Amino acid sequence: MEKSRKEEMMRSAGRMVRAAIGSRKKTEYCLWRRYRKIFLALMFFCVAVIMILHGTSRAYAADQDTAGTKYYKSIMIYGGDTLESVAEQYMTDEYESKKAYMKEVAFMNHLHVTGENGLIPGNYIIIPYYLP
C-alpha cells in the first residue's frame, strides 16, 4: 500500500507540474494574443491616418489645379505707369482683388505700396499671371 500511495503522490505531483507548465504556456499564449491585437490595432490606426492625409492632400492639390498654372514675366515700365495700371492690364481672374495683385507685384519687386508710385520708367518689373 505504501508503494501505491507513493506512486499516487508521484502521479499527482506530475499532474500538478504538467498543469503548472500548461498554465504558464496558456498565460504566454494569452499575452501573445493580446500583443498581437494591440499591434494590429496600431497598424490599422496608422493605415487610416495615412489614407486620411493622402485624401486631404489630393483634395488640396485638386483645389490648386483649378487655379491653373502660375507664370511670371518681366515687363518694361513706361512713363505714367502705376501699380494700379499694371494690375488693370495684366491681372487674371484668379486673384481676389486688384489690391491683392498689386501687393504681390510690389512684394516680388521689393516696392512699397504707398501713395508714391515707386515705378521708374525704363526699369523692368516681374509680374505673375495664370494660364489654364
N, C-alpha and C. Protein backbone atom coordinates (compact mmCIF):
# COMPACT_ATOMS: atom_id res chain seq x y z
N MET A 1 0.79 -1.18 0.00
CA MET A 1 0.00 0.00 0.00
C MET A 1 0.85 1.26 0.00
N GLU A 2 1.88 1.10 0.67
CA GLU A 2 2.80 2.21 0.76
C GLU A 2 3.32 2.58 -0.64
N LYS A 3 3.58 1.55 -1.42
CA LYS A 3 4.09 1.78 -2.76
C LYS A 3 3.03 2.48 -3.62
N SER A 4 1.83 2.03 -3.52
CA SER A 4 0.79 2.63 -4.34
C SER A 4 0.53 4.08 -3.91
N ARG A 5 0.65 4.32 -2.61
CA ARG A 5 0.47 5.69 -2.13
C ARG A 5 1.57 6.60 -2.66
N LYS A 6 2.80 6.10 -2.67
CA LYS A 6 3.91 6.88 -3.22
C LYS A 6 3.72 7.09 -4.71
N GLU A 7 3.30 6.06 -5.42
CA GLU A 7 3.07 6.18 -6.86
C GLU A 7 1.97 7.20 -7.14
N GLU A 8 0.92 7.12 -6.30
CA GLU A 8 -0.19 8.06 -6.48
C GLU A 8 0.27 9.49 -6.22
N MET A 9 1.10 9.69 -5.22
CA MET A 9 1.63 11.03 -4.93
C MET A 9 2.52 11.51 -6.07
N MET A 10 3.32 10.58 -6.62
CA MET A 10 4.19 10.94 -7.74
C MET A 10 3.34 11.31 -8.96
N ARG A 11 2.31 10.54 -9.20
CA ARG A 11 1.44 10.84 -10.35
C ARG A 11 0.74 12.19 -10.16
N SER A 12 0.25 12.44 -8.97
CA SER A 12 -0.43 13.72 -8.74
C SER A 12 0.56 14.88 -8.81
N ALA A 13 1.79 14.68 -8.33
CA ALA A 13 2.81 15.72 -8.45
C ALA A 13 3.12 15.96 -9.92
N GLY A 14 3.21 14.90 -10.70
CA GLY A 14 3.46 15.05 -12.14
C GLY A 14 2.34 15.82 -12.83
N ARG A 15 1.10 15.50 -12.40
CA ARG A 15 -0.03 16.21 -12.99
C ARG A 15 0.02 17.70 -12.62
N MET A 16 0.39 17.98 -11.38
CA MET A 16 0.48 19.38 -10.95
C MET A 16 1.58 20.11 -11.71
N VAL A 17 2.71 19.45 -11.98
CA VAL A 17 3.78 20.07 -12.74
C VAL A 17 3.32 20.32 -14.17
N ARG A 18 2.68 19.31 -14.76
CA ARG A 18 2.18 19.48 -16.12
C ARG A 18 1.12 20.58 -16.17
N ALA A 19 0.29 20.64 -15.14
CA ALA A 19 -0.73 21.69 -15.10
C ALA A 19 -0.09 23.06 -14.96
N ALA A 20 0.97 23.15 -14.14
CA ALA A 20 1.66 24.43 -13.97
C ALA A 20 2.32 24.85 -15.27
N ILE A 21 2.95 23.88 -15.95
CA ILE A 21 3.58 24.20 -17.25
C ILE A 21 2.51 24.60 -18.25
N GLY A 22 1.41 23.88 -18.28
CA GLY A 22 0.32 24.21 -19.19
C GLY A 22 -0.26 25.57 -18.88
N SER A 23 -0.36 25.89 -17.61
CA SER A 23 -0.89 27.19 -17.21
C SER A 23 0.04 28.31 -17.67
N ARG A 24 1.35 28.09 -17.54
CA ARG A 24 2.30 29.09 -17.98
C ARG A 24 2.23 29.28 -19.50
N LYS A 25 2.13 28.17 -20.21
CA LYS A 25 2.01 28.27 -21.67
C LYS A 25 0.73 28.99 -22.06
N LYS A 26 -0.33 28.68 -21.32
CA LYS A 26 -1.60 29.34 -21.62
C LYS A 26 -1.50 30.84 -21.36
N THR A 27 -0.85 31.23 -20.28
CA THR A 27 -0.65 32.64 -19.96
C THR A 27 0.19 33.32 -21.04
N GLU A 28 1.27 32.65 -21.47
CA GLU A 28 2.10 33.21 -22.54
C GLU A 28 1.31 33.35 -23.83
N TYR A 29 0.47 32.35 -24.14
CA TYR A 29 -0.33 32.40 -25.35
C TYR A 29 -1.33 33.56 -25.28
N CYS A 30 -1.94 33.75 -24.10
CA CYS A 30 -2.90 34.86 -23.94
C CYS A 30 -2.19 36.21 -24.09
N LEU A 31 -1.00 36.33 -23.52
CA LEU A 31 -0.23 37.57 -23.68
C LEU A 31 0.12 37.80 -25.15
N TRP A 32 0.53 36.74 -25.82
CA TRP A 32 0.88 36.86 -27.24
C TRP A 32 -0.33 37.32 -28.04
N ARG A 33 -1.50 36.77 -27.75
CA ARG A 33 -2.71 37.17 -28.46
C ARG A 33 -3.04 38.64 -28.18
N ARG A 34 -2.85 39.07 -26.92
CA ARG A 34 -3.12 40.45 -26.56
C ARG A 34 -2.18 41.39 -27.30
N TYR A 35 -0.89 41.05 -27.32
CA TYR A 35 0.08 41.89 -28.04
C TYR A 35 -0.21 41.92 -29.53
N ARG A 36 -0.65 40.80 -30.07
CA ARG A 36 -0.99 40.75 -31.49
C ARG A 36 -2.18 41.67 -31.78
N LYS A 37 -3.18 41.66 -30.89
CA LYS A 37 -4.34 42.55 -31.08
C LYS A 37 -3.92 44.01 -31.01
N ILE A 38 -3.06 44.35 -30.07
CA ILE A 38 -2.58 45.73 -29.95
C ILE A 38 -1.80 46.13 -31.19
N PHE A 39 -0.94 45.24 -31.67
CA PHE A 39 -0.16 45.51 -32.88
C PHE A 39 -1.07 45.73 -34.08
N LEU A 40 -2.06 44.87 -34.25
CA LEU A 40 -2.99 45.02 -35.38
C LEU A 40 -3.80 46.31 -35.27
N ALA A 41 -4.19 46.67 -34.06
CA ALA A 41 -4.94 47.93 -33.88
C ALA A 41 -4.06 49.12 -34.24
N LEU A 42 -2.80 49.11 -33.83
CA LEU A 42 -1.88 50.20 -34.18
C LEU A 42 -1.66 50.26 -35.69
N MET A 43 -1.50 49.12 -36.32
CA MET A 43 -1.32 49.09 -37.77
C MET A 43 -2.55 49.66 -38.48
N PHE A 44 -3.74 49.27 -38.03
CA PHE A 44 -4.97 49.79 -38.62
C PHE A 44 -5.05 51.31 -38.45
N PHE A 45 -4.70 51.80 -37.26
CA PHE A 45 -4.71 53.23 -36.99
C PHE A 45 -3.74 53.97 -37.92
N CYS A 46 -2.53 53.44 -38.08
CA CYS A 46 -1.54 54.07 -38.96
C CYS A 46 -2.02 54.12 -40.41
N VAL A 47 -2.59 53.02 -40.88
CA VAL A 47 -3.10 52.98 -42.25
C VAL A 47 -4.24 53.98 -42.42
N ALA A 48 -5.11 54.07 -41.43
CA ALA A 48 -6.23 55.03 -41.51
C ALA A 48 -5.72 56.46 -41.56
N VAL A 49 -4.74 56.79 -40.73
CA VAL A 49 -4.17 58.15 -40.73
C VAL A 49 -3.52 58.45 -42.07
N ILE A 50 -2.77 57.50 -42.61
CA ILE A 50 -2.12 57.72 -43.91
C ILE A 50 -3.16 57.93 -45.00
N MET A 51 -4.22 57.15 -44.98
CA MET A 51 -5.26 57.31 -46.01
C MET A 51 -5.95 58.66 -45.89
N ILE A 52 -6.20 59.10 -44.66
CA ILE A 52 -6.85 60.40 -44.46
C ILE A 52 -5.95 61.53 -44.95
N LEU A 53 -4.67 61.46 -44.57
CA LEU A 53 -3.74 62.51 -45.01
C LEU A 53 -3.56 62.50 -46.52
N HIS A 54 -3.53 61.32 -47.11
CA HIS A 54 -3.38 61.24 -48.56
C HIS A 54 -4.61 61.83 -49.26
N GLY A 55 -5.79 61.56 -48.71
CA GLY A 55 -7.02 62.09 -49.29
C GLY A 55 -7.08 63.60 -49.21
N THR A 56 -6.67 64.17 -48.07
CA THR A 56 -6.72 65.62 -47.93
C THR A 56 -5.68 66.28 -48.82
N SER A 57 -4.53 65.64 -48.99
CA SER A 57 -3.52 66.25 -49.87
C SER A 57 -3.99 66.21 -51.32
N ARG A 58 -4.70 65.16 -51.70
CA ARG A 58 -5.23 65.10 -53.06
C ARG A 58 -6.30 66.16 -53.26
N ALA A 59 -7.14 66.37 -52.24
CA ALA A 59 -8.17 67.41 -52.34
C ALA A 59 -7.53 68.78 -52.44
N TYR A 60 -6.47 69.01 -51.66
CA TYR A 60 -5.77 70.30 -51.72
C TYR A 60 -5.13 70.49 -53.09
N ALA A 61 -4.55 69.42 -53.63
CA ALA A 61 -3.94 69.51 -54.96
C ALA A 61 -5.00 69.78 -56.02
N ALA A 62 -6.18 69.20 -55.85
CA ALA A 62 -7.26 69.45 -56.81
C ALA A 62 -7.68 70.90 -56.76
N ASP A 63 -7.73 71.49 -55.56
CA ASP A 63 -8.06 72.90 -55.44
C ASP A 63 -7.01 73.76 -56.14
N GLN A 64 -5.75 73.39 -56.00
CA GLN A 64 -4.68 74.15 -56.62
C GLN A 64 -4.72 74.02 -58.15
N ASP A 65 -5.13 72.85 -58.65
CA ASP A 65 -5.17 72.63 -60.09
C ASP A 65 -6.24 73.47 -60.77
N THR A 66 -7.32 73.79 -60.06
CA THR A 66 -8.38 74.56 -60.69
C THR A 66 -7.93 75.99 -60.97
N ALA A 67 -6.91 76.46 -60.26
CA ALA A 67 -6.45 77.83 -60.45
C ALA A 67 -5.59 77.96 -61.71
N GLY A 68 -5.14 76.89 -62.28
CA GLY A 68 -4.26 76.97 -63.43
C GLY A 68 -2.82 77.03 -62.99
N THR A 69 -1.94 77.26 -63.93
CA THR A 69 -0.51 77.30 -63.63
C THR A 69 -0.05 78.75 -63.57
N LYS A 70 0.73 79.03 -62.53
CA LYS A 70 1.21 80.40 -62.34
C LYS A 70 2.53 80.59 -63.07
N TYR A 71 2.61 81.66 -63.84
CA TYR A 71 3.81 82.01 -64.59
C TYR A 71 4.24 83.42 -64.22
N TYR A 72 5.44 83.76 -64.60
CA TYR A 72 5.98 85.10 -64.33
C TYR A 72 6.59 85.64 -65.61
N LYS A 73 6.47 86.94 -65.78
CA LYS A 73 7.16 87.57 -66.92
C LYS A 73 7.63 88.96 -66.52
N SER A 74 8.59 89.44 -67.26
CA SER A 74 9.17 90.74 -66.99
C SER A 74 8.58 91.74 -67.98
N ILE A 75 8.17 92.90 -67.46
CA ILE A 75 7.64 93.95 -68.34
C ILE A 75 8.41 95.24 -68.10
N MET A 76 8.47 96.06 -69.13
CA MET A 76 9.15 97.34 -69.03
C MET A 76 8.15 98.40 -68.56
N ILE A 77 8.60 99.28 -67.68
CA ILE A 77 7.76 100.36 -67.16
C ILE A 77 7.91 101.58 -68.07
N TYR A 78 6.78 102.12 -68.48
CA TYR A 78 6.76 103.32 -69.31
C TYR A 78 6.31 104.51 -68.46
N GLY A 79 6.51 105.72 -68.95
CA GLY A 79 6.10 106.93 -68.23
C GLY A 79 4.60 106.90 -67.94
N GLY A 80 4.22 107.18 -66.71
CA GLY A 80 2.81 107.21 -66.34
C GLY A 80 2.28 105.88 -65.82
N ASP A 81 3.09 104.80 -65.89
CA ASP A 81 2.63 103.51 -65.37
C ASP A 81 2.61 103.54 -63.85
N THR A 82 1.57 102.95 -63.29
CA THR A 82 1.45 102.79 -61.84
C THR A 82 1.16 101.31 -61.55
N LEU A 83 1.24 100.94 -60.29
CA LEU A 83 0.90 99.56 -59.94
C LEU A 83 -0.55 99.26 -60.31
N GLU A 84 -1.40 100.25 -60.16
CA GLU A 84 -2.81 100.05 -60.50
C GLU A 84 -3.00 99.84 -62.00
N SER A 85 -2.30 100.61 -62.82
CA SER A 85 -2.45 100.43 -64.26
C SER A 85 -1.86 99.09 -64.71
N VAL A 86 -0.77 98.68 -64.07
CA VAL A 86 -0.20 97.36 -64.38
C VAL A 86 -1.19 96.27 -63.99
N ALA A 87 -1.83 96.41 -62.81
CA ALA A 87 -2.80 95.42 -62.36
C ALA A 87 -3.99 95.36 -63.32
N GLU A 88 -4.46 96.50 -63.78
CA GLU A 88 -5.59 96.51 -64.72
C GLU A 88 -5.25 95.81 -66.02
N GLN A 89 -4.01 95.94 -66.45
CA GLN A 89 -3.61 95.37 -67.73
C GLN A 89 -3.28 93.88 -67.64
N TYR A 90 -2.64 93.43 -66.57
CA TYR A 90 -2.10 92.06 -66.53
C TYR A 90 -2.78 91.12 -65.55
N MET A 91 -3.63 91.63 -64.65
CA MET A 91 -4.24 90.78 -63.63
C MET A 91 -5.21 89.77 -64.26
N THR A 92 -5.16 88.51 -63.77
CA THR A 92 -6.08 87.47 -64.24
C THR A 92 -7.16 87.24 -63.18
N ASP A 93 -8.16 86.44 -63.52
CA ASP A 93 -9.33 86.24 -62.66
C ASP A 93 -9.03 85.46 -61.37
N GLU A 94 -7.87 84.82 -61.28
CA GLU A 94 -7.55 84.01 -60.10
C GLU A 94 -7.30 84.85 -58.85
N TYR A 95 -7.07 86.12 -59.00
CA TYR A 95 -6.80 86.98 -57.85
C TYR A 95 -8.11 87.49 -57.25
N GLU A 96 -8.11 87.63 -55.92
CA GLU A 96 -9.30 88.09 -55.20
C GLU A 96 -9.67 89.52 -55.59
N SER A 97 -8.65 90.37 -55.66
CA SER A 97 -8.92 91.77 -55.94
C SER A 97 -7.69 92.40 -56.60
N LYS A 98 -7.89 93.59 -57.08
CA LYS A 98 -6.78 94.33 -57.68
C LYS A 98 -5.72 94.64 -56.63
N LYS A 99 -6.18 94.93 -55.43
CA LYS A 99 -5.25 95.26 -54.35
C LYS A 99 -4.36 94.05 -54.01
N ALA A 100 -4.92 92.84 -54.02
CA ALA A 100 -4.13 91.64 -53.74
C ALA A 100 -3.07 91.44 -54.82
N TYR A 101 -3.44 91.68 -56.07
CA TYR A 101 -2.48 91.55 -57.17
C TYR A 101 -1.38 92.61 -57.03
N MET A 102 -1.77 93.83 -56.70
CA MET A 102 -0.78 94.89 -56.55
C MET A 102 0.19 94.58 -55.40
N LYS A 103 -0.33 94.00 -54.30
CA LYS A 103 0.55 93.63 -53.18
C LYS A 103 1.55 92.57 -53.60
N GLU A 104 1.10 91.60 -54.37
CA GLU A 104 2.02 90.54 -54.81
C GLU A 104 3.10 91.09 -55.73
N VAL A 105 2.71 91.95 -56.67
CA VAL A 105 3.69 92.56 -57.58
C VAL A 105 4.68 93.41 -56.78
N ALA A 106 4.18 94.19 -55.84
CA ALA A 106 5.06 95.04 -55.03
C ALA A 106 6.02 94.18 -54.20
N PHE A 107 5.53 93.08 -53.63
CA PHE A 107 6.37 92.21 -52.82
C PHE A 107 7.47 91.57 -53.68
N MET A 108 7.10 91.07 -54.85
CA MET A 108 8.08 90.41 -55.72
C MET A 108 9.16 91.36 -56.20
N ASN A 109 8.82 92.64 -56.35
CA ASN A 109 9.77 93.61 -56.89
C ASN A 109 10.35 94.54 -55.83
N HIS A 110 10.12 94.22 -54.57
CA HIS A 110 10.64 94.99 -53.44
C HIS A 110 10.20 96.46 -53.52
N LEU A 111 8.93 96.65 -53.82
CA LEU A 111 8.35 98.00 -53.87
C LEU A 111 7.48 98.19 -52.64
N HIS A 112 7.29 99.42 -52.25
CA HIS A 112 6.40 99.73 -51.14
C HIS A 112 5.08 100.23 -51.70
N VAL A 113 3.98 99.63 -51.23
CA VAL A 113 2.67 100.07 -51.69
C VAL A 113 2.25 101.23 -50.79
N THR A 114 2.54 102.42 -51.25
CA THR A 114 2.16 103.63 -50.52
C THR A 114 1.53 104.58 -51.52
N GLY A 115 1.39 105.82 -51.11
CA GLY A 115 0.82 106.81 -52.00
C GLY A 115 1.75 107.11 -53.18
N GLU A 116 3.05 106.88 -52.99
CA GLU A 116 4.00 107.13 -54.07
C GLU A 116 3.96 105.98 -55.07
N ASN A 117 4.32 106.28 -56.30
CA ASN A 117 4.27 105.28 -57.35
C ASN A 117 5.39 104.25 -57.18
N GLY A 118 6.63 104.66 -57.08
CA GLY A 118 7.74 103.74 -56.92
C GLY A 118 8.21 103.10 -58.20
N LEU A 119 7.48 103.28 -59.30
CA LEU A 119 7.88 102.69 -60.58
C LEU A 119 8.65 103.74 -61.38
N ILE A 120 9.80 103.35 -61.88
CA ILE A 120 10.65 104.27 -62.63
C ILE A 120 10.61 103.86 -64.10
N PRO A 121 10.25 104.82 -64.99
CA PRO A 121 10.20 104.49 -66.43
C PRO A 121 11.56 103.98 -66.90
N GLY A 122 11.51 102.92 -67.73
CA GLY A 122 12.73 102.31 -68.26
C GLY A 122 13.16 101.08 -67.46
N ASN A 123 12.71 100.96 -66.21
CA ASN A 123 13.03 99.78 -65.41
C ASN A 123 12.08 98.63 -65.76
N TYR A 124 12.46 97.44 -65.36
CA TYR A 124 11.64 96.26 -65.58
C TYR A 124 11.13 95.74 -64.23
N ILE A 125 9.92 95.21 -64.24
CA ILE A 125 9.37 94.55 -63.05
C ILE A 125 8.85 93.18 -63.47
N ILE A 126 8.78 92.29 -62.49
CA ILE A 126 8.26 90.94 -62.73
C ILE A 126 6.81 90.92 -62.29
N ILE A 127 5.96 90.32 -63.12
CA ILE A 127 4.54 90.23 -62.80
C ILE A 127 4.10 88.77 -62.90
N PRO A 128 3.18 88.35 -62.04
CA PRO A 128 2.62 87.00 -62.14
C PRO A 128 1.36 86.98 -62.99
N TYR A 129 1.10 85.82 -63.58
CA TYR A 129 -0.16 85.62 -64.29
C TYR A 129 -0.44 84.13 -64.35
N TYR A 130 -1.67 83.76 -64.58
CA TYR A 130 -2.08 82.36 -64.61
C TYR A 130 -2.52 81.98 -66.02
N LEU A 131 -2.22 80.72 -66.36
CA LEU A 131 -2.74 80.13 -67.58
C LEU A 131 -3.45 78.84 -67.20
N PRO A 132 -4.55 78.53 -67.85
CA PRO A 132 -5.28 77.30 -67.51
C PRO A 132 -4.53 76.03 -67.89
